[in-house]
C-alpha cells in the first residue's frame, strides 16, 4: 500500500533535517535532500515494524480543553 505524507525539512549546519508532519516522532537527516528522503522513509518503515511488534490494546480517546 502506498501512503503519502508531508515531509517538513530545514537546513541545520549544512544538513537537511526533517520530519513527517502526520507521524509524530519520525525524524531524520541527510547530507542532501535525496538522502533525507531515503532516511525518512527508512525511519518510518522501522517505526512501523516496531509498531507491529507491540501487542494491540484498546485505545481510548477523550477530548480535553487547553487554555491558550
PDB file of N, CA and C in Angstrom:
ATOM      1  N   UNK A   1       0.849  -1.179   0.000  1.00  0.00           N
ATOM      2  CA  UNK A   1       0.000   0.000   0.000  1.00  0.00           C
ATOM      3  C   UNK A   1       0.894   1.243   0.000  1.00  0.00           C
ATOM      4  N   UNK A   2       0.570   2.187  -0.832  1.00  0.00           N
ATOM      5  CA  UNK A   2       1.323   3.431  -0.934  1.00  0.00           C
ATOM      6  C   UNK A   2       0.607   4.507  -0.131  1.00  0.00           C
ATOM      7  N   UNK A   3       1.316   5.117   0.825  1.00  0.00           N
ATOM      8  CA  UNK A   3       0.757   6.205   1.622  1.00  0.00           C
ATOM      9  C   UNK A   3       1.556   7.461   1.336  1.00  0.00           C
ATOM     10  N   UNK A   4       0.916   8.599   1.454  1.00  0.00           N
ATOM     11  CA  UNK A   4       1.560   9.885   1.187  1.00  0.00           C
ATOM     12  C   UNK A   4       1.616  10.693   2.473  1.00  0.00           C
ATOM     13  N   UNK A   5       2.783  11.300   2.733  1.00  0.00           N
ATOM     14  CA  UNK A   5       2.983  12.118   3.917  1.00  0.00           C
ATOM     15  C   UNK A   5       3.632  13.437   3.509  1.00  0.00           C
ATOM     16  N   UNK A   6       3.599  14.389   4.411  1.00  0.00           N
ATOM     17  CA  UNK A   6       4.235  15.682   4.189  1.00  0.00           C
ATOM     18  C   UNK A   6       5.590  15.683   4.881  1.00  0.00           C
ATOM     19  N   UNK A   7       6.654  15.855   4.118  1.00  0.00           N
ATOM     20  CA  UNK A   7       7.999  15.966   4.678  1.00  0.00           C
ATOM     21  C   UNK A   7       8.282  17.436   4.927  1.00  0.00           C
ATOM     22  N   UNK A   8       8.410  17.816   6.189  1.00  0.00           N
ATOM     23  CA  UNK A   8       8.823  19.172   6.542  1.00  0.00           C
ATOM     24  C   UNK A   8      10.321  19.102   6.818  1.00  0.00           C
ATOM     25  N   UNK A   9      11.088  19.988   6.200  1.00  0.00           N
ATOM     26  CA  UNK A   9      12.538  19.924   6.396  1.00  0.00           C
ATOM     27  C   UNK A   9      13.142  21.316   6.471  1.00  0.00           C
ATOM     28  N   UNK A  10      14.332  21.368   7.046  1.00  0.00           N
ATOM     29  CA  UNK A  10      15.089  22.610   7.185  1.00  0.00           C
ATOM     30  C   UNK A  10      16.567  22.250   7.101  1.00  0.00           C
ATOM     31  N   UNK A  11      17.404  23.260   6.941  1.00  0.00           N
ATOM     32  CA  UNK A  11      18.843  23.046   6.846  1.00  0.00           C
ATOM     33  C   UNK A  11      19.476  23.517   8.149  1.00  0.00           C
ATOM     34  N   UNK A  12      20.272  22.641   8.753  1.00  0.00           N
ATOM     35  CA  UNK A  12      20.937  22.925  10.020  1.00  0.00           C
ATOM     36  C   UNK A  12      22.407  22.538   9.871  1.00  0.00           C
ATOM     37  N   UNK A  13      23.275  23.538   9.870  1.00  0.00           N
ATOM     38  CA  UNK A  13      24.725  23.295   9.694  1.00  0.00           C
ATOM     39  C   UNK A  13      25.013  22.433   8.469  1.00  0.00           C
ATOM     40  N   UNK A  14      24.413  22.774   7.349  1.00  0.00           N
ATOM     41  CA  UNK A  14      24.571  22.120   6.044  1.00  0.00           C
ATOM     42  C   UNK A  14      23.958  20.714   5.989  1.00  0.00           C
ATOM     43  N   UNK A  15      23.200  20.289   7.002  1.00  0.00           N
ATOM     44  CA  UNK A  15      22.482  19.027   6.974  1.00  0.00           C
ATOM     45  C   UNK A  15      21.007  19.310   6.722  1.00  0.00           C
ATOM     46  N   UNK A  16      20.382  18.462   5.935  1.00  0.00           N
ATOM     47  CA  UNK A  16      18.937  18.517   5.751  1.00  0.00           C
ATOM     48  C   UNK A  16      18.313  17.695   6.883  1.00  0.00           C
ATOM     49  N   UNK A  17      17.473  18.332   7.667  1.00  0.00           N
ATOM     50  CA  UNK A  17      16.820  17.683   8.800  1.00  0.00           C
ATOM     51  C   UNK A  17      15.323  17.763   8.550  1.00  0.00           C
ATOM     52  N   UNK A  18      14.602  16.677   8.820  1.00  0.00           N
ATOM     53  CA  UNK A  18      13.179  16.712   8.527  1.00  0.00           C
ATOM     54  C   UNK A  18      12.370  15.767   9.381  1.00  0.00           C
ATOM     55  N   UNK A  19      11.059  15.937   9.243  1.00  0.00           N
ATOM     56  CA  UNK A  19      10.106  15.099   9.961  1.00  0.00           C
ATOM     57  C   UNK A  19       8.897  14.866   9.087  1.00  0.00           C
ATOM     58  N   UNK A  20       8.175  13.794   9.379  1.00  0.00           N
ATOM     59  CA  UNK A  20       6.897  13.557   8.716  1.00  0.00           C
ATOM     60  C   UNK A  20       5.826  14.254   9.535  1.00  0.00           C
ATOM     61  N   UNK A  21       5.182  15.230   8.944  1.00  0.00           N
ATOM     62  CA  UNK A  21       4.217  16.057   9.659  1.00  0.00           C
ATOM     63  C   UNK A  21       3.094  15.228  10.279  1.00  0.00           C
ATOM     64  N   UNK A  22       2.603  14.244   9.560  1.00  0.00           N
ATOM     65  CA  UNK A  22       1.449  13.463  10.016  1.00  0.00           C
ATOM     66  C   UNK A  22       1.809  12.360  11.010  1.00  0.00           C
ATOM     67  N   UNK A  23       3.088  12.052  11.179  1.00  0.00           N
ATOM     68  CA  UNK A  23       3.515  10.948  12.041  1.00  0.00           C
ATOM     69  C   UNK A  23       4.470  11.486  13.108  1.00  0.00           C
ATOM     70  N   UNK A  24       3.957  11.814  14.292  1.00  0.00           N
ATOM     71  CA  UNK A  24       4.833  12.346  15.349  1.00  0.00           C
ATOM     72  C   UNK A  24       5.971  11.372  15.672  1.00  0.00           C
ATOM     73  N   UNK A  25       7.149  11.912  15.842  1.00  0.00           N
ATOM     74  CA  UNK A  25       8.291  11.093  16.251  1.00  0.00           C
ATOM     75  C   UNK A  25       9.134  10.556  15.117  1.00  0.00           C
ATOM     76  N   UNK A  26       8.737  10.773  13.866  1.00  0.00           N
ATOM     77  CA  UNK A  26       9.552  10.291  12.745  1.00  0.00           C
ATOM     78  C   UNK A  26      10.380  11.455  12.218  1.00  0.00           C
ATOM     79  N   UNK A  27      11.661  11.470  12.621  1.00  0.00           N
ATOM     80  CA  UNK A  27      12.624  12.487  12.214  1.00  0.00           C
ATOM     81  C   UNK A  27      13.816  11.800  11.579  1.00  0.00           C
ATOM     82  N   UNK A  28      14.544  12.520  10.723  1.00  0.00           N
ATOM     83  CA  UNK A  28      15.791  12.003  10.186  1.00  0.00           C
ATOM     84  C   UNK A  28      16.599  13.162   9.628  1.00  0.00           C
ATOM     85  N   UNK A  29      17.746  12.837   9.052  1.00  0.00           N
ATOM     86  CA  UNK A  29      18.601  13.853   8.455  1.00  0.00           C
ATOM     87  C   UNK A  29      19.400  13.239   7.314  1.00  0.00           C
ATOM     88  N   UNK A  30      20.013  14.093   6.508  1.00  0.00           N
ATOM     89  CA  UNK A  30      20.851  13.639   5.414  1.00  0.00           C
ATOM     90  C   UNK A  30      21.707  14.776   4.903  1.00  0.00           C
ATOM     91  N   UNK A  31      22.780  14.437   4.225  1.00  0.00           N
ATOM     92  CA  UNK A  31      23.654  15.471   3.673  1.00  0.00           C
ATOM     93  C   UNK A  31      23.031  16.148   2.451  1.00  0.00           C
ATOM     94  N   UNK A  32      22.079  15.465   1.821  1.00  0.00           N
ATOM     95  CA  UNK A  32      21.350  16.028   0.681  1.00  0.00           C
ATOM     96  C   UNK A  32      19.857  15.802   0.920  1.00  0.00           C
ATOM     97  N   UNK A  33      19.035  16.500   0.154  1.00  0.00           N
ATOM     98  CA  UNK A  33      17.595  16.309   0.270  1.00  0.00           C
ATOM     99  C   UNK A  33      17.217  14.884  -0.125  1.00  0.00           C
ATOM    100  N   UNK A  34      17.869  14.344  -1.140  1.00  0.00           N
ATOM    101  CA  UNK A  34      17.592  12.974  -1.573  1.00  0.00           C
ATOM    102  C   UNK A  34      17.937  11.972  -0.470  1.00  0.00           C
ATOM    103  N   UNK A  35      19.067  12.194   0.223  1.00  0.00           N
ATOM    104  CA  UNK A  35      19.442  11.302   1.313  1.00  0.00           C
ATOM    105  C   UNK A  35      18.448  11.418   2.467  1.00  0.00           C
ATOM    106  N   UNK A  36      18.010  12.637   2.756  1.00  0.00           N
ATOM    107  CA  UNK A  36      16.996  12.819   3.790  1.00  0.00           C
ATOM    108  C   UNK A  36      15.733  12.039   3.437  1.00  0.00           C
ATOM    109  N   UNK A  37      15.286  12.117   2.196  1.00  0.00           N
ATOM    110  CA  UNK A  37      14.083  11.392   1.776  1.00  0.00           C
ATOM    111  C   UNK A  37      14.249   9.888   1.969  1.00  0.00           C
ATOM    112  N   UNK A  38      15.396   9.346   1.597  1.00  0.00           N
ATOM    113  CA  UNK A  38      15.642   7.907   1.791  1.00  0.00           C
ATOM    114  C   UNK A  38      15.629   7.568   3.280  1.00  0.00           C
ATOM    115  N   UNK A  39      16.303   8.398   4.088  1.00  0.00           N
ATOM    116  CA  UNK A  39      16.413   8.127   5.519  1.00  0.00           C
ATOM    117  C   UNK A  39      15.073   8.251   6.233  1.00  0.00           C
ATOM    118  N   UNK A  40      14.247   9.219   5.832  1.00  0.00           N
ATOM    119  CA  UNK A  40      12.954   9.398   6.497  1.00  0.00           C
ATOM    120  C   UNK A  40      12.024   8.229   6.164  1.00  0.00           C
ATOM    121  N   UNK A  41      12.119   7.711   4.944  1.00  0.00           N
ATOM    122  CA  UNK A  41      11.326   6.534   4.575  1.00  0.00           C
ATOM    123  C   UNK A  41      11.758   5.328   5.403  1.00  0.00           C
ATOM    124  N   UNK A  42      13.066   5.167   5.578  1.00  0.00           N
ATOM    125  CA  UNK A  42      13.578   4.066   6.387  1.00  0.00           C
ATOM    126  C   UNK A  42      13.150   4.227   7.847  1.00  0.00           C
ATOM    127  N   UNK A  43      13.201   5.451   8.375  1.00  0.00           N
ATOM    128  CA  UNK A  43      12.780   5.694   9.749  1.00  0.00           C
ATOM    129  C   UNK A  43      11.300   5.331   9.929  1.00  0.00           C
ATOM    130  N   UNK A  44      10.477   5.687   8.953  1.00  0.00           N
ATOM    131  CA  UNK A  44       9.048   5.341   9.019  1.00  0.00           C
ATOM    132  C   UNK A  44       8.862   3.823   9.000  1.00  0.00           C
ATOM    133  N   UNK A  45       9.569   3.149   8.098  1.00  0.00           N
ATOM    134  CA  UNK A  45       9.426   1.696   7.997  1.00  0.00           C
ATOM    135  C   UNK A  45       9.874   1.004   9.278  1.00  0.00           C
ATOM    136  N   UNK A  46      10.964   1.484   9.889  1.00  0.00           N
ATOM    137  CA  UNK A  46      11.427   0.901  11.146  1.00  0.00           C
ATOM    138  C   UNK A  46      10.411   1.133  12.263  1.00  0.00           C
ATOM    139  N   UNK A  47       9.805   2.316  12.291  1.00  0.00           N
ATOM    140  CA  UNK A  47       8.801   2.613  13.291  1.00  0.00           C
ATOM    141  C   UNK A  47       7.598   1.681  13.123  1.00  0.00           C
ATOM    142  N   UNK A  48       7.194   1.431  11.888  1.00  0.00           N
ATOM    143  CA  UNK A  48       6.051   0.556  11.628  1.00  0.00           C
ATOM    144  C   UNK A  48       6.364  -0.887  12.030  1.00  0.00           C
ATOM    145  N   UNK A  49       7.604  -1.336  11.828  1.00  0.00           N
ATOM    146  CA  UNK A  49       7.996  -2.678  12.264  1.00  0.00           C
ATOM    147  C   UNK A  49       7.884  -2.780  13.779  1.00  0.00           C
ATOM    148  N   UNK A  50       8.343  -1.752  14.501  1.00  0.00           N
ATOM    149  CA  UNK A  50       8.239  -1.736  15.960  1.00  0.00           C
ATOM    150  C   UNK A  50       6.779  -1.737  16.385  1.00  0.00           C
ATOM    151  N   UNK A  51       5.950  -1.002  15.658  1.00  0.00           N
ATOM    152  CA  UNK A  51       4.517  -0.903  15.968  1.00  0.00           C
ATOM    153  C   UNK A  51       3.855  -2.280  15.860  1.00  0.00           C
ATOM    154  N   UNK A  52       4.250  -3.052  14.849  1.00  0.00           N
ATOM    155  CA  UNK A  52       3.671  -4.378  14.657  1.00  0.00           C
ATOM    156  C   UNK A  52       4.081  -5.335  15.765  1.00  0.00           C
ATOM    157  N   UNK A  53       5.244  -5.116  16.390  1.00  0.00           N
ATOM    158  CA  UNK A  53       5.736  -5.997  17.442  1.00  0.00           C
ATOM    159  C   UNK A  53       5.024  -5.751  18.767  1.00  0.00           C
ATOM    160  N   UNK A  54       4.420  -4.590  18.928  1.00  0.00           N
ATOM    161  CA  UNK A  54       3.737  -4.246  20.169  1.00  0.00           C
ATOM    162  C   UNK A  54       2.335  -4.847  20.145  1.00  0.00           C
ATOM    163  N   UNK A  55       1.946  -5.521  21.238  1.00  0.00           N
ATOM    164  CA  UNK A  55       0.588  -6.069  21.269  1.00  0.00           C
ATOM    165  C   UNK A  55      -0.445  -4.949  21.162  1.00  0.00           C
ATOM    166  N   UNK A  56      -1.487  -5.205  20.413  1.00  0.00           N
ATOM    167  CA  UNK A  56      -2.520  -4.188  20.231  1.00  0.00           C
ATOM    168  C   UNK A  56      -3.454  -4.173  21.440  1.00  0.00           C
ATOM    169  N   UNK A  57      -3.742  -2.981  21.878  1.00  0.00           N
ATOM    170  CA  UNK A  57      -4.651  -2.793  23.006  1.00  0.00           C
ATOM    171  C   UNK A  57      -5.746  -1.842  22.574  1.00  0.00           C
ATOM    172  N   UNK A  58      -6.828  -1.852  23.305  1.00  0.00           N
ATOM    173  CA  UNK A  58      -7.914  -0.928  23.006  1.00  0.00           C
ATOM    174  C   UNK A  58      -7.490   0.475  23.428  1.00  0.00           C
ATOM    175  N   UNK A  59      -7.518   1.399  22.500  1.00  0.00           N
ATOM    176  CA  UNK A  59      -7.123   2.783  22.763  1.00  0.00           C
ATOM    177  C   UNK A  59      -8.376   3.605  22.997  1.00  0.00           C
ATOM    178  N   UNK A  60      -8.369   4.361  24.064  1.00  0.00           N
ATOM    179  CA  UNK A  60      -9.496   5.218  24.410  1.00  0.00           C
ATOM    180  C   UNK A  60      -9.162   6.644  24.016  1.00  0.00           C
ATOM    181  N   UNK A  61     -10.170   7.430  23.687  1.00  0.00           N
ATOM    182  CA  UNK A  61      -9.983   8.828  23.323  1.00  0.00           C
ATOM    183  C   UNK A  61     -10.885   9.697  24.179  1.00  0.00           C
ATOM    184  N   UNK A  62     -10.376  10.877  24.519  1.00  0.00           N
ATOM    185  CA  UNK A  62     -11.153  11.824  25.292  1.00  0.00           C
ATOM    186  C   UNK A  62     -10.740  13.217  24.861  1.00  0.00           C
ATOM    187  N   UNK A  63     -11.715  14.069  24.603  1.00  0.00           N
ATOM    188  CA  UNK A  63     -11.433  15.455  24.252  1.00  0.00           C
ATOM    189  C   UNK A  63     -11.079  16.225  25.513  1.00  0.00           C
ATOM    190  N   UNK A  64     -10.052  17.062  25.418  1.00  0.00           N
ATOM    191  CA  UNK A  64      -9.664  17.916  26.543  1.00  0.00           C
ATOM    192  C   UNK A  64      -9.545  19.349  26.047  1.00  0.00           C
ATOM    193  N   UNK A  65      -9.721  20.295  26.965  1.00  0.00           N
ATOM    194  CA  UNK A  65      -9.604  21.712  26.621  1.00  0.00           C
ATOM    195  C   UNK A  65      -8.324  22.262  27.233  1.00  0.00           C
ATOM    196  N   UNK A  66      -7.633  23.105  26.461  1.00  0.00           N
ATOM    197  CA  UNK A  66      -6.401  23.731  26.928  1.00  0.00           C
ATOM    198  C   UNK A  66      -6.531  25.223  26.681  1.00  0.00           C
ATOM    199  N   UNK A  67      -6.316  26.015  27.711  1.00  0.00           N
ATOM    200  CA  UNK A  67      -6.374  27.460  27.557  1.00  0.00           C
ATOM    201  C   UNK A  67      -5.069  27.950  26.925  1.00  0.00           C
ATOM    202  N   UNK A  68      -5.218  28.771  25.870  1.00  0.00           N
ATOM    203  CA  UNK A  68      -4.039  29.308  25.189  1.00  0.00           C
ATOM    204  C   UNK A  68      -4.029  30.817  25.198  1.00  0.00           C
TER     205      UNK A  68
END
